[in-house]
């Protein structure tokens, strides 16, 4: 990542934000309504910040929402960016660098994912224990600036055990069952074939999607604590005898919205 690009974007958003932010949240498909619960909110459109891409996926509003939430200062992304939209990995992950520059030390990353593990059901929430990067790209490719992060960051513990324990504590309090598993990223935008899903299951994947891993790599590079949560919105190709579509993703996300919101609220309160 070019530090000049980060500094240019960061100096712009700091015109709207004049205090340290504690927690960042990236909201996946169908999950953006959580940001509406922020108090004393400041909304910054992506288009008003230099170098930030445009979010083109339906249901992604394309803005930062900043303010007070469960006793913490938070910044939430209503809409993220994807490799399949044609953006480079460093632009996809630029918001993570911005969050770090605003003081964020803990990052919660959410997504809508297809269930590969046949014991899962649509509507389940899955804690990401680890991930498999099959995007065949990496946001840290290129020249490294040691002032930002190490040339060879260690991905052991990329998904914070401390935050996973907090999430499990919150789920027990709310009586919400949480699955745990491995998230596998493909580039998209087409859904995977049944043969690819068999391969993913063989390799150890429990859920599959088209996001999250680049942001987690960048966050690990920046020494942020990361919690990943997938909403299993559909079973992946070939598991059930029906076609896949984005409408189903949004519909299932809406059905579990209240459960998801309560979980994130309690997690943030406990961090």
Protein backbone atom coordinates (compact mmCIF):
# COMPACT_ATOMS: atom_id res chain seq x y z
CA UNK A 1 0.00 0.00 0.00
CA UNK A 2 1.27 3.45 -0.93
CA UNK A 3 1.41 5.51 2.26
CA UNK A 4 0.73 8.68 0.26
CA UNK A 5 -2.64 7.25 -0.84
CA UNK A 6 -3.50 6.31 2.74
CA UNK A 7 -2.50 9.74 4.06
CA UNK A 8 -4.54 11.54 1.39
CA UNK A 9 -7.69 9.54 2.18
CA UNK A 10 -7.13 9.73 5.93
CA UNK A 11 -6.63 13.49 6.00
CA UNK A 12 -9.92 13.90 4.15
CA UNK A 13 -12.01 11.76 6.50
CA UNK A 14 -10.40 13.44 9.51
CA UNK A 15 -12.19 16.62 8.45
CA UNK A 16 -15.37 14.87 9.59
CA UNK A 17 -13.96 12.91 12.55
CA UNK A 18 -12.07 14.65 15.33
CA UNK A 19 -11.84 11.89 17.95
CA UNK A 20 -10.32 8.43 18.28
CA UNK A 21 -12.42 5.53 17.01
CA UNK A 22 -12.35 2.28 18.99
CA UNK A 23 -13.94 -0.35 16.77
CA UNK A 24 -14.44 -0.81 13.04
CA UNK A 25 -17.19 -2.93 11.48
CA UNK A 26 -17.44 -4.00 7.84
CA UNK A 27 -21.03 -4.91 7.00
CA UNK A 28 -21.68 -7.52 4.34
CA UNK A 29 -24.59 -8.03 1.93
CA UNK A 30 -27.96 -7.50 3.60
CA UNK A 31 -26.41 -6.56 6.95
CA UNK A 32 -25.99 -2.81 6.48
CA UNK A 33 -28.99 -1.78 8.60
CA UNK A 34 -26.94 -2.25 11.78
CA UNK A 35 -25.27 1.12 11.12
CA UNK A 36 -28.66 2.83 11.41
CA UNK A 37 -28.52 2.19 15.17
CA UNK A 38 -25.43 4.35 15.67
CA UNK A 39 -26.07 7.45 17.79
CA UNK A 40 -24.72 10.96 17.09
CA UNK A 41 -23.83 9.65 13.66
CA UNK A 42 -21.66 11.23 11.02
CA UNK A 43 -22.13 9.89 7.49
CA UNK A 44 -19.27 10.16 5.01
CA UNK A 45 -19.96 9.00 1.46
CA UNK A 46 -17.21 6.98 -0.18
CA UNK A 47 -17.41 9.30 -3.18
CA UNK A 48 -16.32 12.21 -0.97
CA UNK A 49 -13.02 10.53 -0.03
CA UNK A 50 -10.20 10.41 -2.56
CA UNK A 51 -8.96 6.98 -3.70
CA UNK A 52 -11.94 5.08 -2.25
CA UNK A 53 -13.67 2.85 -4.84
CA UNK A 54 -17.38 2.92 -5.57
CA UNK A 55 -19.50 0.11 -4.12
CA UNK A 56 -21.57 -1.30 -7.00
CA UNK A 57 -23.34 -4.27 -5.40
CA UNK A 58 -27.08 -3.92 -4.75
CA UNK A 59 -27.77 -3.41 -1.04
CA UNK A 60 -24.41 -1.74 -0.35
CA UNK A 61 -25.07 1.95 0.40
CA UNK A 62 -21.49 3.10 -0.11
CA UNK A 63 -20.74 5.12 3.02
CA UNK A 64 -19.00 5.22 6.37
CA UNK A 65 -21.21 5.73 9.43
CA UNK A 66 -19.34 7.01 12.49
CA UNK A 67 -20.58 7.65 16.01
CA UNK A 68 -21.56 6.12 19.36
CA UNK A 69 -22.64 2.49 19.67
CA UNK A 70 -22.91 0.41 22.85
CA UNK A 71 -20.64 2.77 24.75
CA UNK A 72 -17.91 2.76 22.11
CA UNK A 73 -16.83 5.02 19.29
CA UNK A 74 -17.33 3.03 16.10
CA UNK A 75 -16.97 3.31 12.37
CA UNK A 76 -19.12 1.04 10.20
CA UNK A 77 -18.91 0.46 6.47
CA UNK A 78 -22.30 0.25 4.79
CA UNK A 79 -21.01 -1.47 1.71
CA UNK A 80 -17.65 -2.99 0.89
CA UNK A 81 -15.64 -3.55 -2.28
CA UNK A 82 -14.94 -6.79 -4.08
CA UNK A 83 -12.21 -8.06 -6.36
CA UNK A 84 -14.82 -9.05 -8.96
CA UNK A 85 -15.88 -5.42 -9.29
CA UNK A 86 -12.56 -4.81 -10.99
CA UNK A 87 -10.73 -3.15 -8.09
CA UNK A 88 -7.18 -3.98 -7.08
CA UNK A 89 -6.60 -5.65 -3.73
CA UNK A 90 -4.93 -2.57 -2.28
CA UNK A 91 -7.98 -0.41 -3.09
CA UNK A 92 -10.33 -3.02 -1.65
CA UNK A 93 -8.44 -2.88 1.63
CA UNK A 94 -7.83 0.89 1.79
CA UNK A 95 -10.69 1.38 4.31
CA UNK A 96 -8.85 -0.90 6.76
CA UNK A 97 -5.81 1.41 6.62
CA UNK A 98 -8.12 4.40 7.14
CA UNK A 99 -9.68 2.75 10.19
CA UNK A 100 -6.25 2.03 11.63
CA UNK A 101 -5.34 5.69 11.12
CA UNK A 102 -8.46 6.75 13.03
CA UNK A 103 -7.35 4.71 16.05
CA UNK A 104 -9.29 1.47 15.50
CA UNK A 105 -7.73 -1.50 17.30
CA UNK A 106 -10.51 -4.09 16.83
CA UNK A 107 -12.18 -4.91 13.53
CA UNK A 108 -15.36 -6.94 13.06
CA UNK A 109 -15.76 -8.24 9.51
CA UNK A 110 -19.09 -9.72 8.38
CA UNK A 111 -20.24 -11.32 5.18
CA UNK A 112 -22.97 -13.33 3.51
CA UNK A 113 -21.65 -16.78 2.62
CA UNK A 114 -22.70 -20.05 1.09
CA UNK A 115 -22.78 -23.05 3.37
CA UNK A 116 -20.37 -25.82 2.35
CA UNK A 117 -20.59 -27.80 5.58
CA UNK A 118 -23.73 -29.92 5.15
CA UNK A 119 -24.55 -29.64 8.87
CA UNK A 120 -25.16 -25.91 8.39
CA UNK A 121 -28.52 -24.33 7.51
CA UNK A 122 -29.45 -21.05 5.83
CA UNK A 123 -29.75 -18.42 8.56
CA UNK A 124 -26.90 -19.83 10.67
CA UNK A 125 -24.18 -17.46 11.89
CA UNK A 126 -20.63 -18.78 11.69
CA UNK A 127 -17.58 -17.54 13.57
CA UNK A 128 -14.63 -17.62 11.17
CA UNK A 129 -11.85 -19.61 12.85
CA UNK A 130 -9.54 -19.42 9.86
CA UNK A 131 -9.62 -18.86 6.12
CA UNK A 132 -8.30 -20.22 2.84
CA UNK A 133 -7.27 -17.62 0.26
CA UNK A 134 -8.05 -18.93 -3.22
CA UNK A 135 -8.43 -15.52 -4.82
CA UNK A 136 -4.90 -16.02 -6.20
CA UNK A 137 -4.03 -12.46 -5.15
CA UNK A 138 -2.95 -10.66 -2.01
CA UNK A 139 -3.32 -7.03 -0.89
CA UNK A 140 0.31 -6.98 0.27
CA UNK A 141 1.84 -7.66 -3.15
CA UNK A 142 4.41 -5.08 -4.19
CA UNK A 143 6.85 -2.83 -2.38
CA UNK A 144 6.57 -2.90 1.41
CA UNK A 145 6.85 0.07 3.76
CA UNK A 146 8.19 -1.14 7.11
CA UNK A 147 6.70 1.98 8.74
CA UNK A 148 3.26 0.50 8.04
CA UNK A 149 3.81 -3.20 8.62
CA UNK A 150 6.23 -6.15 8.23
CA UNK A 151 7.25 -7.58 4.88
CA UNK A 152 6.21 -11.09 5.97
CA UNK A 153 3.26 -10.83 8.38
CA UNK A 154 2.38 -13.94 10.38
CA UNK A 155 -1.18 -15.15 9.73
CA UNK A 156 -1.26 -17.37 12.82
CA UNK A 157 -3.99 -15.87 14.97
CA UNK A 158 -5.35 -13.66 12.18
CA UNK A 159 -8.77 -14.30 13.70
CA UNK A 160 -8.43 -13.19 17.31
CA UNK A 161 -9.05 -15.88 19.92
CA UNK A 162 -9.85 -13.13 22.40
CA UNK A 163 -12.61 -11.74 20.18
CA UNK A 164 -13.90 -15.22 19.34
CA UNK A 165 -14.24 -15.91 23.07
CA UNK A 166 -16.14 -12.63 23.47
CA UNK A 167 -18.46 -13.57 20.60
CA UNK A 168 -19.16 -16.96 22.16
CA UNK A 169 -19.86 -15.32 25.52
CA UNK A 170 -22.31 -12.92 23.84
CA UNK A 171 -24.01 -15.79 22.00
CA UNK A 172 -24.49 -17.78 25.21
CA UNK A 173 -26.04 -14.75 26.88
CA UNK A 174 -28.48 -14.34 23.97
CA UNK A 175 -29.05 -18.08 23.50
CA UNK A 176 -27.89 -17.80 19.89
CA UNK A 177 -26.25 -20.86 18.40
CA UNK A 178 -23.02 -20.01 16.61
CA UNK A 179 -21.35 -22.31 14.14
CA UNK A 180 -17.58 -22.18 13.80
CA UNK A 181 -15.63 -22.94 10.66
CA UNK A 182 -13.21 -22.16 7.86
CA UNK A 183 -14.09 -19.47 5.30
CA UNK A 184 -12.93 -20.05 1.73
CA UNK A 185 -12.71 -17.12 -0.72
CA UNK A 186 -13.16 -17.34 -4.48
CA UNK A 187 -12.97 -14.37 -6.82
CA UNK A 188 -16.55 -14.49 -8.14
CA UNK A 189 -18.73 -13.03 -9.48
CA UNK A 190 -20.23 -16.34 -10.60
CA UNK A 191 -21.21 -18.78 -7.91
CA UNK A 192 -19.11 -21.89 -7.61
CA UNK A 193 -19.87 -25.10 -9.51
CA UNK A 194 -20.95 -28.23 -7.64
CA UNK A 195 -17.55 -29.75 -8.44
CA UNK A 196 -15.79 -26.73 -6.94
CA UNK A 197 -17.89 -27.00 -3.79
CA UNK A 198 -16.87 -30.66 -3.44
CA UNK A 199 -13.24 -29.55 -3.74
CA UNK A 200 -13.71 -26.79 -1.15
CA UNK A 201 -15.26 -29.24 1.28
CA UNK A 202 -12.38 -31.69 0.68
CA UNK A 203 -9.88 -28.89 1.41
CA UNK A 204 -11.58 -28.07 4.71
CA UNK A 205 -13.85 -25.13 3.83
CA UNK A 206 -17.11 -24.76 5.77
CA UNK A 207 -18.39 -21.62 4.04
CA UNK A 208 -17.55 -19.89 0.78
CA UNK A 209 -17.75 -16.26 -0.31
CA UNK A 210 -16.19 -13.50 -2.38
CA UNK A 211 -14.90 -11.07 0.25
CA UNK A 212 -13.43 -10.66 3.75
CA UNK A 213 -10.06 -12.39 3.38
CA UNK A 214 -8.26 -9.41 1.76
CA UNK A 215 -9.50 -7.14 4.56
CA UNK A 216 -8.38 -9.63 7.21
CA UNK A 217 -4.92 -9.91 5.64
CA UNK A 218 -4.59 -6.11 5.70
CA UNK A 219 -5.86 -5.94 9.28
CA UNK A 220 -3.38 -8.59 10.41
CA UNK A 221 -0.61 -6.68 8.64
CA UNK A 222 -1.65 -3.57 10.61
CA UNK A 223 -1.77 -5.55 13.90
CA UNK A 224 -5.53 -5.21 14.42
CA UNK A 225 -7.58 -7.70 16.41
CA UNK A 226 -10.08 -9.29 13.97
CA UNK A 227 -13.40 -11.06 14.44
CA UNK A 228 -15.04 -12.57 11.37
CA UNK A 229 -18.71 -13.60 11.24
CA UNK A 230 -20.44 -15.17 8.23
CA UNK A 231 -24.19 -15.25 7.76
CA UNK A 232 -24.95 -18.51 5.95
CA UNK A 233 -27.53 -17.21 3.49
CA UNK A 234 -27.78 -20.27 1.24
CA UNK A 235 -26.33 -23.71 0.80
CA UNK A 236 -23.59 -23.77 -1.82
CA UNK A 237 -24.03 -25.19 -5.31
CA UNK A 238 -25.03 -28.83 -5.57
CA UNK A 239 -25.95 -29.30 -1.91
CA UNK A 240 -29.62 -28.51 -2.50
CA UNK A 241 -31.41 -29.09 -5.85
CA UNK A 242 -32.06 -25.43 -6.65
CA UNK A 243 -30.24 -22.55 -8.37
CA UNK A 244 -28.46 -19.77 -6.46
CA UNK A 245 -29.25 -16.06 -6.72
CA UNK A 246 -28.39 -12.82 -4.91
CA UNK A 247 -32.06 -12.21 -4.05
CA UNK A 248 -31.98 -15.25 -1.76
CA UNK A 249 -28.85 -13.86 -0.08
CA UNK A 250 -30.62 -10.61 0.77
CA UNK A 251 -33.84 -12.33 1.86
CA UNK A 252 -32.05 -14.65 4.28
CA UNK A 253 -29.92 -11.79 5.63
CA UNK A 254 -33.11 -9.84 6.36
CA UNK A 255 -34.62 -12.81 8.21
CA UNK A 256 -31.66 -13.08 10.59
CA UNK A 257 -31.09 -9.32 10.87
CA UNK A 258 -32.45 -9.03 14.41
CA UNK A 259 -30.39 -11.99 15.66
CA UNK A 260 -27.28 -10.66 13.97
CA UNK A 261 -27.83 -7.13 15.31
CA UNK A 262 -28.26 -8.34 18.89
CA UNK A 263 -25.10 -10.41 18.63
CA UNK A 264 -22.95 -7.56 17.30
CA UNK A 265 -24.37 -5.17 19.91
CA UNK A 266 -23.40 -7.49 22.73
CA UNK A 267 -19.98 -8.25 21.26
CA UNK A 268 -19.14 -4.54 20.97
CA UNK A 269 -20.39 -3.91 24.51
CA UNK A 270 -18.00 -6.62 25.78
CA UNK A 271 -14.90 -5.51 23.85
